Amino acid sequence: MTVAALAVALLACAFILFIGVRFLIAPQVAMAGFGVPADSLRALTSIKGVRDITSGVVPLAALAAGGVHVFGWAMLAAAITPIGDAVIVLTNGGTLRQALSIHAITAALLIAVGLILALA
């Protein structure tokens, strides 16, 4: 039973990675697949809100279940989000100041604390 659950969980991870890549490569198709109009700003901001909540809850679950070491690895993995956000800002009309002052600093902090905790 555990092996089957692990297999399904890994497939789910692969599928959500595919969905994320599809949102980057083919946003119109991804929005339609998500079930909302491609030009729905409210849908996009809601998607971001849920993503940010999840980004805060998952590392906390890792801390609760696996301790500080696992939490550090989760923080390192979570640094992907603000790095991507900085790139999004820079490639969609935002300023370098916004990309660095908000997103790059967040990524640097996640990487620093993640390394300290993961390697402790």
C-alpha atoms as a PDB file:
ATOM      1  CA  MET A   1       0.000   0.000   0.000  1.00  0.00           C
ATOM      2  CA  THR A   2       2.822   2.430   0.851  1.00  0.00           C
ATOM      3  CA  VAL A   3       4.572   1.761  -2.460  1.00  0.00           C
ATOM      4  CA  ALA A   4       1.359   2.412  -4.366  1.00  0.00           C
ATOM      5  CA  ALA A   5       0.724   5.633  -2.451  1.00  0.00           C
ATOM      6  CA  LEU A   6       4.301   6.752  -3.091  1.00  0.00           C
ATOM      7  CA  ALA A   7       3.917   6.015  -6.808  1.00  0.00           C
ATOM      8  CA  VAL A   8       0.682   8.017  -7.000  1.00  0.00           C
ATOM      9  CA  ALA A   9       2.252  10.887  -5.034  1.00  0.00           C
ATOM     10  CA  LEU A  10       5.278  10.976  -7.343  1.00  0.00           C
ATOM     11  CA  LEU A  11       2.993  10.951 -10.382  1.00  0.00           C
ATOM     12  CA  ALA A  12       1.062  13.849  -8.869  1.00  0.00           C
ATOM     13  CA  CYS A  13       4.324  15.760  -8.404  1.00  0.00           C
ATOM     14  CA  ALA A  14       5.288  15.118 -12.016  1.00  0.00           C
ATOM     15  CA  PHE A  15       1.854  16.203 -13.213  1.00  0.00           C
ATOM     16  CA  ILE A  16       1.852  19.467 -11.248  1.00  0.00           C
ATOM     17  CA  LEU A  17       5.340  20.210 -12.585  1.00  0.00           C
ATOM     18  CA  PHE A  18       3.941  19.683 -16.093  1.00  0.00           C
ATOM     19  CA  ILE A  19       1.044  22.025 -15.339  1.00  0.00           C
ATOM     20  CA  GLY A  20       3.429  24.685 -14.046  1.00  0.00           C
ATOM     21  CA  VAL A  21       5.607  24.444 -17.144  1.00  0.00           C
ATOM     22  CA  ARG A  22       2.480  24.637 -19.322  1.00  0.00           C
ATOM     23  CA  PHE A  23       1.461  27.877 -17.600  1.00  0.00           C
ATOM     24  CA  LEU A  24       4.870  29.317 -18.528  1.00  0.00           C
ATOM     25  CA  ILE A  25       5.033  27.973 -22.089  1.00  0.00           C
ATOM     26  CA  ALA A  26       1.378  27.998 -23.190  1.00  0.00           C
ATOM     27  CA  PRO A  27      -0.568  30.282 -20.835  1.00  0.00           C
ATOM     28  CA  GLN A  28      -3.726  30.441 -22.972  1.00  0.00           C
ATOM     29  CA  VAL A  29      -3.955  26.647 -23.077  1.00  0.00           C
ATOM     30  CA  ALA A  30      -3.147  26.394 -19.381  1.00  0.00           C
ATOM     31  CA  MET A  31      -5.825  28.903 -18.381  1.00  0.00           C
ATOM     32  CA  ALA A  32      -8.394  27.052 -20.487  1.00  0.00           C
ATOM     33  CA  GLY A  33      -7.277  23.775 -18.912  1.00  0.00           C
ATOM     34  CA  PHE A  34      -7.581  25.380 -15.486  1.00  0.00           C
ATOM     35  CA  GLY A  35     -11.172  26.255 -16.361  1.00  0.00           C
ATOM     36  CA  VAL A  36     -11.114  30.062 -16.488  1.00  0.00           C
ATOM     37  CA  PRO A  37     -10.889  32.654 -19.262  1.00  0.00           C
ATOM     38  CA  ALA A  38      -7.331  33.468 -20.317  1.00  0.00           C
ATOM     39  CA  ASP A  39      -7.825  37.188 -19.656  1.00  0.00           C
ATOM     40  CA  SER A  40      -9.223  36.820 -16.122  1.00  0.00           C
ATOM     41  CA  LEU A  41      -7.063  38.951 -13.843  1.00  0.00           C
ATOM     42  CA  ARG A  42      -9.104  37.837 -10.830  1.00  0.00           C
ATOM     43  CA  ALA A  43      -8.419  34.180 -11.633  1.00  0.00           C
ATOM     44  CA  LEU A  44      -4.680  34.858 -11.948  1.00  0.00           C
ATOM     45  CA  THR A  45      -4.513  36.769  -8.670  1.00  0.00           C
ATOM     46  CA  SER A  46      -6.481  33.996  -6.955  1.00  0.00           C
ATOM     47  CA  ILE A  47      -4.097  31.391  -8.367  1.00  0.00           C
ATOM     48  CA  LYS A  48      -1.172  33.415  -7.012  1.00  0.00           C
ATOM     49  CA  GLY A  49      -2.838  33.782  -3.628  1.00  0.00           C
ATOM     50  CA  VAL A  50      -3.374  30.046  -3.283  1.00  0.00           C
ATOM     51  CA  ARG A  51       0.197  29.391  -4.494  1.00  0.00           C
ATOM     52  CA  ASP A  52       1.607  31.759  -1.879  1.00  0.00           C
ATOM     53  CA  ILE A  53      -0.458  30.189   0.906  1.00  0.00           C
ATOM     54  CA  THR A  54       0.768  26.756  -0.183  1.00  0.00           C
ATOM     55  CA  SER A  55       4.346  28.054  -0.322  1.00  0.00           C
ATOM     56  CA  GLY A  56       4.050  28.973   3.341  1.00  0.00           C
ATOM     57  CA  VAL A  57       2.227  25.852   4.522  1.00  0.00           C
ATOM     58  CA  VAL A  58       4.370  23.183   2.823  1.00  0.00           C
ATOM     59  CA  PRO A  59       7.648  24.166   4.532  1.00  0.00           C
ATOM     60  CA  LEU A  60       5.821  24.329   7.866  1.00  0.00           C
ATOM     61  CA  ALA A  61       4.520  20.806   7.273  1.00  0.00           C
ATOM     62  CA  ALA A  62       8.095  19.727   6.499  1.00  0.00           C
ATOM     63  CA  LEU A  63       9.248  21.314   9.768  1.00  0.00           C
ATOM     64  CA  ALA A  64       6.493  19.606  11.747  1.00  0.00           C
ATOM     65  CA  ALA A  65       7.072  16.193  10.162  1.00  0.00           C
ATOM     66  CA  GLY A  66      10.805  16.158   9.562  1.00  0.00           C
ATOM     67  CA  GLY A  67      12.413  18.701  11.836  1.00  0.00           C
ATOM     68  CA  VAL A  68      14.824  21.540  11.202  1.00  0.00           C
ATOM     69  CA  HIS A  69      17.029  19.681   8.691  1.00  0.00           C
ATOM     70  CA  VAL A  70      14.110  18.830   6.386  1.00  0.00           C
ATOM     71  CA  PHE A  71      12.721  22.343   6.882  1.00  0.00           C
ATOM     72  CA  GLY A  72      16.015  23.735   5.575  1.00  0.00           C
ATOM     73  CA  TRP A  73      15.743  21.655   2.404  1.00  0.00           C
ATOM     74  CA  ALA A  74      12.154  22.809   1.965  1.00  0.00           C
ATOM     75  CA  MET A  75      13.286  26.432   2.287  1.00  0.00           C
ATOM     76  CA  LEU A  76      15.949  25.870  -0.362  1.00  0.00           C
ATOM     77  CA  ALA A  77      13.342  24.397  -2.697  1.00  0.00           C
ATOM     78  CA  ALA A  78      10.975  27.278  -1.918  1.00  0.00           C
ATOM     79  CA  ALA A  79      13.619  29.752  -3.172  1.00  0.00           C
ATOM     80  CA  ILE A  80      12.613  28.748  -6.709  1.00  0.00           C
ATOM     81  CA  THR A  81       9.460  30.854  -6.326  1.00  0.00           C
ATOM     82  CA  PRO A  82      11.008  34.279  -5.648  1.00  0.00           C
ATOM     83  CA  ILE A  83      13.741  33.615  -8.226  1.00  0.00           C
ATOM     84  CA  GLY A  84      11.038  32.943 -10.786  1.00  0.00           C
ATOM     85  CA  ASP A  85       9.096  35.967  -9.589  1.00  0.00           C
ATOM     86  CA  ALA A  86      12.137  38.197 -10.124  1.00  0.00           C
ATOM     87  CA  VAL A  87      12.468  36.898 -13.681  1.00  0.00           C
ATOM     88  CA  ILE A  88       8.751  37.489 -14.256  1.00  0.00           C
ATOM     89  CA  VAL A  89       9.070  41.076 -13.019  1.00  0.00           C
ATOM     90  CA  LEU A  90      12.065  41.735 -15.279  1.00  0.00           C
ATOM     91  CA  THR A  91      10.474  40.198 -18.369  1.00  0.00           C
ATOM     92  CA  ASN A  92       7.062  41.822 -17.951  1.00  0.00           C
ATOM     93  CA  GLY A  93       7.756  45.524 -17.581  1.00  0.00           C
ATOM     94  CA  GLY A  94       8.811  45.667 -13.950  1.00  0.00           C
ATOM     95  CA  THR A  95      11.932  47.436 -12.802  1.00  0.00           C
ATOM     96  CA  LEU A  96      15.244  45.950 -11.752  1.00  0.00           C
ATOM     97  CA  ARG A  97      14.723  47.676  -8.389  1.00  0.00           C
ATOM     98  CA  GLN A  98      11.429  45.833  -7.862  1.00  0.00           C
ATOM     99  CA  ALA A  99      12.903  42.507  -8.938  1.00  0.00           C
ATOM    100  CA  LEU A 100      15.895  42.853  -6.635  1.00  0.00           C
ATOM    101  CA  SER A 101      14.361  44.620  -3.631  1.00  0.00           C
ATOM    102  CA  ILE A 102      11.409  42.287  -3.279  1.00  0.00           C
ATOM    103  CA  HIS A 103      12.060  38.976  -4.961  1.00  0.00           C
ATOM    104  CA  ALA A 104      15.842  38.572  -5.089  1.00  0.00           C
ATOM    105  CA  ILE A 105      16.218  39.524  -1.418  1.00  0.00           C
ATOM    106  CA  THR A 106      13.531  36.990  -0.513  1.00  0.00           C
ATOM    107  CA  ALA A 107      15.319  34.309  -2.547  1.00  0.00           C
ATOM    108  CA  ALA A 108      18.665  35.142  -0.942  1.00  0.00           C
ATOM    109  CA  LEU A 109      17.164  34.910   2.551  1.00  0.00           C
ATOM    110  CA  LEU A 110      15.487  31.570   1.770  1.00  0.00           C
ATOM    111  CA  ILE A 111      18.757  30.212   0.382  1.00  0.00           C
ATOM    112  CA  ALA A 112      20.795  31.462   3.344  1.00  0.00           C
ATOM    113  CA  VAL A 113      18.489  30.131   6.044  1.00  0.00           C
ATOM    114  CA  GLY A 114      17.830  26.980   4.042  1.00  0.00           C
ATOM    115  CA  LEU A 115      21.539  26.176   3.817  1.00  0.00           C
ATOM    116  CA  ILE A 116      22.098  26.914   7.498  1.00  0.00           C
ATOM    117  CA  LEU A 117      19.227  24.648   8.539  1.00  0.00           C
ATOM    118  CA  ALA A 118      19.767  21.901   5.946  1.00  0.00           C
ATOM    119  CA  LEU A 119      23.460  21.556   6.685  1.00  0.00           C
ATOM    120  CA  ALA A 120      23.170  21.907  10.472  1.00  0.00           C
END
